[in-house]
Amino acid sequence: MQTYGKVFSGVYNTMWAGFAERLGPLVHRFYASTLVGRENEHILDLCCGTGHLAVYLLRQGYRVVGLDLSEHMLRYARENAASYVNSGQGLFLQDDATRFSLDERFGLVVSTFDSLNHLEDMQALRHCFERVHAVCDGYFVFDLNTRGGLLRSNNVHIDDSDREFFLVNRGVFDTQTDTALSRISGFVRTGDEYYERFEETIRSTAFELRVFVIATVAGRDAPDREGKR
């Protein structure tokens, strides 16, 4: 799984926080309505990025652990959640989504903003689900971009709507390997007259429409199932 550089992490922290802010109330409403959610207030935010979803959940009173492979992303996450980190309610750790191991048990694990698409292949996705199963006593809520969604990224997009940033996103989808590459480059204002250039390449995998159900139901292990739809 890839990491992100310092400058791009700052751009991400500023430009894409809105998704987590829209998603947070939906996640909270769902989890609060469940029996597990009323009994277990521990949440793992897997591939937490700069921590905006984690901060929303922390504000609702949950204990939240955020995990990400990028130390630059985690630096912003710790800053965004500084008061919760200082109180011990929040914790942000650098680790791989396919290999992490935690002693803490969670009623809810979340992974959003198509983060799991950045895993290399189906084996990596399976390993991720296995690691989640090892720490989760309730629900795993995640999203995945589909092949059709990634095909729509096969273009060039320019964003000059903010004076602090200028971004060019060049997307290419390889139909032979079912992978998408997005090269995001641009400039970030660092002073009145200066801009810093950055470039980041993001790889996404289009997984088959296959469902791996690795879950726990009411605190009891459910059998692993694999099926197609």
C-alpha atoms as a PDB file:
ATOM      1  CA  MET A   1       0.000   0.000   0.000  1.00  0.00           C
ATOM      2  CA  GLN A   2       1.358   3.398  -0.948  1.00  0.00           C
ATOM      3  CA  THR A   3       2.205   6.345   1.257  1.00  0.00           C
ATOM      4  CA  TYR A   4       1.813  10.039   0.485  1.00  0.00           C
ATOM      5  CA  GLY A   5       4.314  12.878   0.552  1.00  0.00           C
ATOM      6  CA  LYS A   6       4.377  15.916   2.798  1.00  0.00           C
ATOM      7  CA  VAL A   7       3.006  18.502   0.363  1.00  0.00           C
ATOM      8  CA  PHE A   8       0.250  16.289  -1.041  1.00  0.00           C
ATOM      9  CA  SER A   9      -0.840  15.367   2.489  1.00  0.00           C
ATOM     10  CA  GLY A  10      -1.341  19.060   3.201  1.00  0.00           C
ATOM     11  CA  VAL A  11      -3.415  19.454   0.031  1.00  0.00           C
ATOM     12  CA  TYR A  12      -5.481  16.393   0.969  1.00  0.00           C
ATOM     13  CA  ASN A  13      -6.036  17.756   4.475  1.00  0.00           C
ATOM     14  CA  THR A  14      -7.432  20.997   3.082  1.00  0.00           C
ATOM     15  CA  MET A  15      -9.304  19.948  -0.048  1.00  0.00           C
ATOM     16  CA  TRP A  16     -10.898  16.585   0.722  1.00  0.00           C
ATOM     17  CA  ALA A  17     -12.060  16.947   4.316  1.00  0.00           C
ATOM     18  CA  GLY A  18     -15.643  17.474   3.164  1.00  0.00           C
ATOM     19  CA  PHE A  19     -16.218  13.814   2.316  1.00  0.00           C
ATOM     20  CA  ALA A  20     -15.554  12.705   5.894  1.00  0.00           C
ATOM     21  CA  GLU A  21     -17.707  15.513   7.265  1.00  0.00           C
ATOM     22  CA  ARG A  22     -20.654  14.341   5.139  1.00  0.00           C
ATOM     23  CA  LEU A  23     -20.088  10.676   5.932  1.00  0.00           C
ATOM     24  CA  GLY A  24     -19.539  11.036   9.675  1.00  0.00           C
ATOM     25  CA  PRO A  25     -23.195  11.562  10.678  1.00  0.00           C
ATOM     26  CA  LEU A  26     -24.261   8.527   8.616  1.00  0.00           C
ATOM     27  CA  VAL A  27     -21.681   6.270  10.273  1.00  0.00           C
ATOM     28  CA  HIS A  28     -22.583   7.571  13.725  1.00  0.00           C
ATOM     29  CA  ARG A  29     -26.322   7.177  13.163  1.00  0.00           C
ATOM     30  CA  PHE A  30     -25.894   3.601  11.958  1.00  0.00           C
ATOM     31  CA  TYR A  31     -23.557   2.485  14.728  1.00  0.00           C
ATOM     32  CA  ALA A  32     -25.509   4.191  17.518  1.00  0.00           C
ATOM     33  CA  SER A  33     -28.623   2.292  16.404  1.00  0.00           C
ATOM     34  CA  THR A  34     -26.998  -1.126  16.939  1.00  0.00           C
ATOM     35  CA  LEU A  35     -26.688  -3.204  20.089  1.00  0.00           C
ATOM     36  CA  VAL A  36     -22.931  -3.451  19.599  1.00  0.00           C
ATOM     37  CA  GLY A  37     -22.732   0.327  19.254  1.00  0.00           C
ATOM     38  CA  ARG A  38     -24.480   0.820  22.574  1.00  0.00           C
ATOM     39  CA  GLU A  39     -22.095  -1.577  24.320  1.00  0.00           C
ATOM     40  CA  ASN A  40     -18.732  -0.941  22.616  1.00  0.00           C
ATOM     41  CA  GLU A  41     -17.558   2.647  22.082  1.00  0.00           C
ATOM     42  CA  HIS A  42     -14.216   1.705  20.523  1.00  0.00           C
ATOM     43  CA  ILE A  43     -13.796   2.463  16.795  1.00  0.00           C
ATOM     44  CA  LEU A  44     -10.878   1.766  14.449  1.00  0.00           C
ATOM     45  CA  ASP A  45     -10.502   4.135  11.485  1.00  0.00           C
ATOM     46  CA  LEU A  46      -8.461   2.089   9.012  1.00  0.00           C
ATOM     47  CA  CYS A  47      -6.531   4.162   6.447  1.00  0.00           C
ATOM     48  CA  CYS A  48      -7.591   7.236   8.404  1.00  0.00           C
ATOM     49  CA  GLY A  49      -5.702   9.766   6.277  1.00  0.00           C
ATOM     50  CA  THR A  50      -5.647  13.189   7.911  1.00  0.00           C
ATOM     51  CA  GLY A  51      -8.204  12.117  10.490  1.00  0.00           C
ATOM     52  CA  HIS A  52     -11.328  14.121   9.658  1.00  0.00           C
ATOM     53  CA  LEU A  53     -13.721  11.191  10.077  1.00  0.00           C
ATOM     54  CA  ALA A  54     -11.909  10.177  13.265  1.00  0.00           C
ATOM     55  CA  VAL A  55     -12.320  13.707  14.652  1.00  0.00           C
ATOM     56  CA  TYR A  56     -16.057  13.646  13.965  1.00  0.00           C
ATOM     57  CA  LEU A  57     -16.408  10.306  15.773  1.00  0.00           C
ATOM     58  CA  LEU A  58     -14.260  11.535  18.663  1.00  0.00           C
ATOM     59  CA  ARG A  59     -16.637  14.473  19.056  1.00  0.00           C
ATOM     60  CA  GLN A  60     -19.486  11.994  19.483  1.00  0.00           C
ATOM     61  CA  GLY A  61     -17.677  10.544  22.505  1.00  0.00           C
ATOM     62  CA  TYR A  62     -16.160   7.421  20.948  1.00  0.00           C
ATOM     63  CA  ARG A  63     -12.687   6.115  21.638  1.00  0.00           C
ATOM     64  CA  VAL A  64     -11.023   6.168  18.190  1.00  0.00           C
ATOM     65  CA  VAL A  65      -7.791   4.633  16.946  1.00  0.00           C
ATOM     66  CA  GLY A  66      -6.674   5.835  13.514  1.00  0.00           C
ATOM     67  CA  LEU A  67      -4.265   3.768  11.451  1.00  0.00           C
ATOM     68  CA  ASP A  68      -2.487   4.850   8.274  1.00  0.00           C
ATOM     69  CA  LEU A  69       0.708   4.001   6.412  1.00  0.00           C
ATOM     70  CA  SER A  70       1.640   7.624   5.678  1.00  0.00           C
ATOM     71  CA  GLU A  71       3.411   9.419   8.506  1.00  0.00           C
ATOM     72  CA  HIS A  72       2.724  12.748   6.775  1.00  0.00           C
ATOM     73  CA  MET A  73      -1.020  12.047   6.798  1.00  0.00           C
ATOM     74  CA  LEU A  74      -0.811  11.015  10.442  1.00  0.00           C
ATOM     75  CA  ARG A  75       0.944  14.243  11.395  1.00  0.00           C
ATOM     76  CA  TYR A  76      -2.087  16.187  10.178  1.00  0.00           C
ATOM     77  CA  ALA A  77      -4.442  13.711  11.866  1.00  0.00           C
ATOM     78  CA  ARG A  78      -2.705  14.211  15.211  1.00  0.00           C
ATOM     79  CA  GLU A  79      -2.856  17.983  14.780  1.00  0.00           C
ATOM     80  CA  ASN A  80      -6.545  17.907  13.825  1.00  0.00           C
ATOM     81  CA  ALA A  81      -7.358  15.739  16.848  1.00  0.00           C
ATOM     82  CA  ALA A  82      -4.769  17.230  19.209  1.00  0.00           C
ATOM     83  CA  SER A  83      -7.048  17.687  22.228  1.00  0.00           C
ATOM     84  CA  TYR A  84      -8.348  14.112  21.946  1.00  0.00           C
ATOM     85  CA  VAL A  85      -4.844  12.704  21.507  1.00  0.00           C
ATOM     86  CA  ASN A  86      -3.664  14.610  24.576  1.00  0.00           C
ATOM     87  CA  SER A  87      -6.563  13.276  26.656  1.00  0.00           C
ATOM     88  CA  GLY A  88      -5.969   9.693  25.499  1.00  0.00           C
ATOM     89  CA  GLN A  89      -9.362   9.390  23.797  1.00  0.00           C
ATOM     90  CA  GLY A  90      -7.729   9.336  20.355  1.00  0.00           C
ATOM     91  CA  LEU A  91      -4.656   7.514  19.097  1.00  0.00           C
ATOM     92  CA  PHE A  92      -3.048   7.533  15.637  1.00  0.00           C
ATOM     93  CA  LEU A  93      -0.653   4.787  14.573  1.00  0.00           C
ATOM     94  CA  GLN A  94       1.489   4.160  11.506  1.00  0.00           C
ATOM     95  CA  ASP A  95       0.942   0.658  10.140  1.00  0.00           C
ATOM     96  CA  ASP A  96      -0.023  -1.358   7.069  1.00  0.00           C
ATOM     97  CA  ALA A  97      -3.714  -2.225   6.590  1.00  0.00           C
ATOM     98  CA  THR A  98      -2.748  -5.755   5.529  1.00  0.00           C
ATOM     99  CA  ARG A  99      -0.402  -6.552   8.428  1.00  0.00           C
ATOM    100  CA  PHE A 100      -1.438  -4.560  11.493  1.00  0.00           C
ATOM    101  CA  SER A 101      -1.932  -6.149  14.894  1.00  0.00           C
ATOM    102  CA  LEU A 102      -3.630  -4.459  17.853  1.00  0.00           C
ATOM    103  CA  ASP A 103      -4.478  -5.641  21.358  1.00  0.00           C
ATOM    104  CA  GLU A 104      -7.569  -3.427  21.531  1.00  0.00           C
ATOM    105  CA  ARG A 105     -11.009  -4.738  20.486  1.00  0.00           C
ATOM    106  CA  PHE A 106     -13.373  -2.593  18.410  1.00  0.00           C
ATOM    107  CA  GLY A 107     -17.114  -2.632  17.929  1.00  0.00           C
ATOM    108  CA  LEU A 108     -16.755  -0.820  14.613  1.00  0.00           C
ATOM    109  CA  VAL A 109     -14.012  -0.661  11.989  1.00  0.00           C
ATOM    110  CA  VAL A 110     -14.384   1.885   9.185  1.00  0.00           C
ATOM    111  CA  SER A 111     -12.381   2.408   5.996  1.00  0.00           C
ATOM    112  CA  THR A 112     -13.675   5.107   3.664  1.00  0.00           C
ATOM    113  CA  PHE A 113     -12.914   7.290   0.640  1.00  0.00           C
ATOM    114  CA  ASP A 114     -12.060   4.235  -1.516  1.00  0.00           C
ATOM    115  CA  SER A 115      -8.971   3.569   0.607  1.00  0.00           C
ATOM    116  CA  LEU A 116      -9.114  -0.192   0.076  1.00  0.00           C
ATOM    117  CA  ASN A 117      -8.835   0.317  -3.690  1.00  0.00           C
ATOM    118  CA  HIS A 118      -5.208   1.272  -3.047  1.00  0.00           C
ATOM    119  CA  LEU A 119      -4.404  -2.308  -2.038  1.00  0.00           C
ATOM    120  CA  GLU A 120      -2.376  -4.110  -4.688  1.00  0.00           C
ATOM    121  CA  ASP A 121      -4.559  -7.139  -5.405  1.00  0.00           C
ATOM    122  CA  MET A 122      -7.244  -9.495  -4.117  1.00  0.00           C
ATOM    123  CA  GLN A 123      -4.770 -11.261  -1.841  1.00  0.00           C
ATOM    124  CA  ALA A 124      -3.927  -7.970  -0.134  1.00  0.00           C
ATOM    125  CA  LEU A 125      -7.643  -7.235   0.257  1.00  0.00           C
ATOM    126  CA  ARG A 126      -8.165 -10.649   1.835  1.00  0.00           C
ATOM    127  CA  HIS A 127      -5.268 -10.060   4.250  1.00  0.00           C
ATOM    128  CA  CYS A 128      -6.810  -6.721   5.219  1.00  0.00           C
ATOM    129  CA  PHE A 129     -10.157  -8.379   5.968  1.00  0.00           C
ATOM    130  CA  GLU A 130      -8.390 -11.026   8.041  1.00  0.00           C
ATOM    131  CA  ARG A 131      -6.646  -8.363  10.143  1.00  0.00           C
ATOM    132  CA  VAL A 132      -9.965  -6.560  10.654  1.00  0.00           C
ATOM    133  CA  HIS A 133     -11.628  -9.814  11.694  1.00  0.00           C
ATOM    134  CA  ALA A 134      -8.915 -10.314  14.311  1.00  0.00           C
ATOM    135  CA  VAL A 135      -9.783  -7.064  16.147  1.00  0.00           C
ATOM    136  CA  CYS A 136     -13.486  -6.499  15.407  1.00  0.00           C
ATOM    137  CA  ASP A 137     -16.390  -7.578  17.614  1.00  0.00           C
ATOM    138  CA  GLY A 138     -19.075  -5.937  15.514  1.00  0.00           C
ATOM    139  CA  TYR A 139     -19.160  -4.248  12.118  1.00  0.00           C
ATOM    140  CA  PHE A 140     -16.764  -3.408   9.302  1.00  0.00           C
ATOM    141  CA  VAL A 141     -18.057  -0.462   7.257  1.00  0.00           C
ATOM    142  CA  PHE A 142     -16.075   0.292   4.096  1.00  0.00           C
ATOM    143  CA  ASP A 143     -16.462   1.511   0.541  1.00  0.00           C
ATOM    144  CA  LEU A 144     -14.836   0.435  -2.718  1.00  0.00           C
ATOM    145  CA  ASN A 145     -14.774   2.209  -6.047  1.00  0.00           C
ATOM    146  CA  THR A 146     -16.050  -0.019  -8.853  1.00  0.00           C
ATOM    147  CA  ARG A 147     -14.476  -0.667 -12.231  1.00  0.00           C
ATOM    148  CA  GLY A 148     -17.020   1.697 -13.754  1.00  0.00           C
ATOM    149  CA  GLY A 149     -16.105   4.396 -11.276  1.00  0.00           C
ATOM    150  CA  LEU A 150     -12.401   4.055 -11.986  1.00  0.00           C
ATOM    151  CA  LEU A 151     -13.052   4.100 -15.736  1.00  0.00           C
ATOM    152  CA  ARG A 152     -14.559   7.570 -15.296  1.00  0.00           C
ATOM    153  CA  SER A 153     -11.203   8.752 -13.943  1.00  0.00           C
ATOM    154  CA  ASN A 154      -9.620   8.111 -17.364  1.00  0.00           C
ATOM    155  CA  ASN A 155      -9.308  11.829 -18.152  1.00  0.00           C
ATOM    156  CA  VAL A 156      -7.584  15.082 -17.251  1.00  0.00           C
ATOM    157  CA  HIS A 157      -9.027  17.408 -14.610  1.00  0.00           C
ATOM    158  CA  ILE A 158      -7.712  20.869 -13.751  1.00  0.00           C
ATOM    159  CA  ASP A 159      -8.658  22.627 -10.510  1.00  0.00           C
ATOM    160  CA  ASP A 160      -7.746  26.294 -10.199  1.00  0.00           C
ATOM    161  CA  SER A 161     -10.704  27.276  -8.008  1.00  0.00           C
ATOM    162  CA  ASP A 162      -8.561  28.074  -4.961  1.00  0.00           C
ATOM    163  CA  ARG A 163      -5.795  30.684  -4.996  1.00  0.00           C
ATOM    164  CA  GLU A 164      -3.813  28.546  -2.561  1.00  0.00           C
ATOM    165  CA  PHE A 165      -3.633  25.575  -4.946  1.00  0.00           C
ATOM    166  CA  PHE A 166      -3.368  24.720  -8.601  1.00  0.00           C
ATOM    167  CA  LEU A 167      -3.956  21.029  -9.356  1.00  0.00           C
ATOM    168  CA  VAL A 168      -3.818  18.872 -12.472  1.00  0.00           C
ATOM    169  CA  ASN A 169      -5.117  15.303 -12.182  1.00  0.00           C
ATOM    170  CA  ARG A 170      -4.251  13.008 -15.091  1.00  0.00           C
ATOM    171  CA  GLY A 171      -6.035   9.668 -14.883  1.00  0.00           C
ATOM    172  CA  VAL A 172      -5.365   6.519 -16.917  1.00  0.00           C
ATOM    173  CA  PHE A 173      -7.225   3.210 -16.601  1.00  0.00           C
ATOM    174  CA  ASP A 174      -5.568   0.007 -17.845  1.00  0.00           C
ATOM    175  CA  THR A 175      -8.301  -2.410 -18.940  1.00  0.00           C
ATOM    176  CA  GLN A 176      -5.806  -5.288 -19.141  1.00  0.00           C
ATOM    177  CA  THR A 177      -4.806  -5.116 -15.466  1.00  0.00           C
ATOM    178  CA  ASP A 178      -7.931  -3.372 -14.109  1.00  0.00           C
ATOM    179  CA  THR A 179      -5.808  -0.715 -12.442  1.00  0.00           C
ATOM    180  CA  ALA A 180      -6.044   3.058 -12.526  1.00  0.00           C
ATOM    181  CA  LEU A 181      -3.176   5.500 -12.178  1.00  0.00           C
ATOM    182  CA  SER A 182      -3.815   9.098 -11.197  1.00  0.00           C
ATOM    183  CA  ARG A 183      -0.919  11.523 -11.399  1.00  0.00           C
ATOM    184  CA  ILE A 184      -1.788  14.578  -9.331  1.00  0.00           C
ATOM    185  CA  SER A 185       0.579  17.494  -9.741  1.00  0.00           C
ATOM    186  CA  GLY A 186       0.391  21.167  -9.013  1.00  0.00           C
ATOM    187  CA  PHE A 187       1.522  24.069  -6.906  1.00  0.00           C
ATOM    188  CA  VAL A 188       0.777  25.060  -3.311  1.00  0.00           C
ATOM    189  CA  ARG A 189       1.190  28.612  -2.047  1.00  0.00           C
ATOM    190  CA  THR A 190       3.914  28.847   0.602  1.00  0.00           C
ATOM    191  CA  GLY A 191       4.083  32.641   0.869  1.00  0.00           C
ATOM    192  CA  ASP A 192       2.910  35.855  -0.744  1.00  0.00           C
ATOM    193  CA  GLU A 193       4.952  35.267  -3.890  1.00  0.00           C
ATOM    194  CA  TYR A 194       6.050  31.650  -3.702  1.00  0.00           C
ATOM    195  CA  TYR A 195       4.545  28.296  -4.601  1.00  0.00           C
ATOM    196  CA  GLU A 196       5.892  24.801  -3.992  1.00  0.00           C
ATOM    197  CA  ARG A 197       5.485  22.199  -6.714  1.00  0.00           C
ATOM    198  CA  PHE A 198       4.407  18.646  -5.892  1.00  0.00           C
ATOM    199  CA  GLU A 199       3.576  15.457  -7.753  1.00  0.00           C
ATOM    200  CA  GLU A 200       1.920  12.296  -6.479  1.00  0.00           C
ATOM    201  CA  THR A 201       0.977   9.109  -8.336  1.00  0.00           C
ATOM    202  CA  ILE A 202      -1.935   7.126  -6.903  1.00  0.00           C
ATOM    203  CA  ARG A 203      -2.624   3.549  -7.949  1.00  0.00           C
ATOM    204  CA  SER A 204      -6.099   2.037  -7.577  1.00  0.00           C
ATOM    205  CA  THR A 205      -7.226  -1.543  -8.143  1.00  0.00           C
ATOM    206  CA  ALA A 206     -10.647  -2.419  -9.545  1.00  0.00           C
ATOM    207  CA  PHE A 207     -11.642  -5.526  -7.612  1.00  0.00           C
ATOM    208  CA  GLU A 208     -14.133  -8.070  -8.894  1.00  0.00           C
ATOM    209  CA  LEU A 209     -17.650  -7.772  -7.519  1.00  0.00           C
ATOM    210  CA  ARG A 210     -16.910 -10.389  -4.917  1.00  0.00           C
ATOM    211  CA  VAL A 211     -17.963 -10.205  -1.316  1.00  0.00           C
ATOM    212  CA  PHE A 212     -15.834 -11.491   1.546  1.00  0.00           C
ATOM    213  CA  VAL A 213     -17.939 -11.747   4.665  1.00  0.00           C
ATOM    214  CA  ILE A 214     -15.616 -11.946   7.660  1.00  0.00           C
ATOM    215  CA  ALA A 215     -17.656 -10.660  10.538  1.00  0.00           C
ATOM    216  CA  THR A 216     -18.807 -11.138  14.074  1.00  0.00           C
ATOM    217  CA  VAL A 217     -22.455 -11.170  15.031  1.00  0.00           C
ATOM    218  CA  ALA A 218     -23.458 -10.077  18.531  1.00  0.00           C
ATOM    219  CA  GLY A 219     -19.981 -10.902  19.805  1.00  0.00           C
ATOM    220  CA  ARG A 220     -19.944 -14.432  18.341  1.00  0.00           C
ATOM    221  CA  ASP A 221     -17.688 -15.436  15.459  1.00  0.00           C
ATOM    222  CA  ALA A 222     -19.569 -15.924  12.200  1.00  0.00           C
ATOM    223  CA  PRO A 223     -18.319 -18.438   9.633  1.00  0.00           C
ATOM    224  CA  ASP A 224     -16.207 -17.070   6.783  1.00  0.00           C
ATOM    225  CA  ARG A 225     -18.010 -17.054   3.470  1.00  0.00           C
ATOM    226  CA  GLU A 226     -16.931 -16.162  -0.014  1.00  0.00           C
ATOM    227  CA  GLY A 227     -19.392 -15.578  -2.811  1.00  0.00           C
ATOM    228  CA  LYS A 228     -19.977 -13.778  -6.068  1.00  0.00           C
ATOM    229  CA  ARG A 229     -22.759 -11.470  -7.095  1.00  0.00           C
END
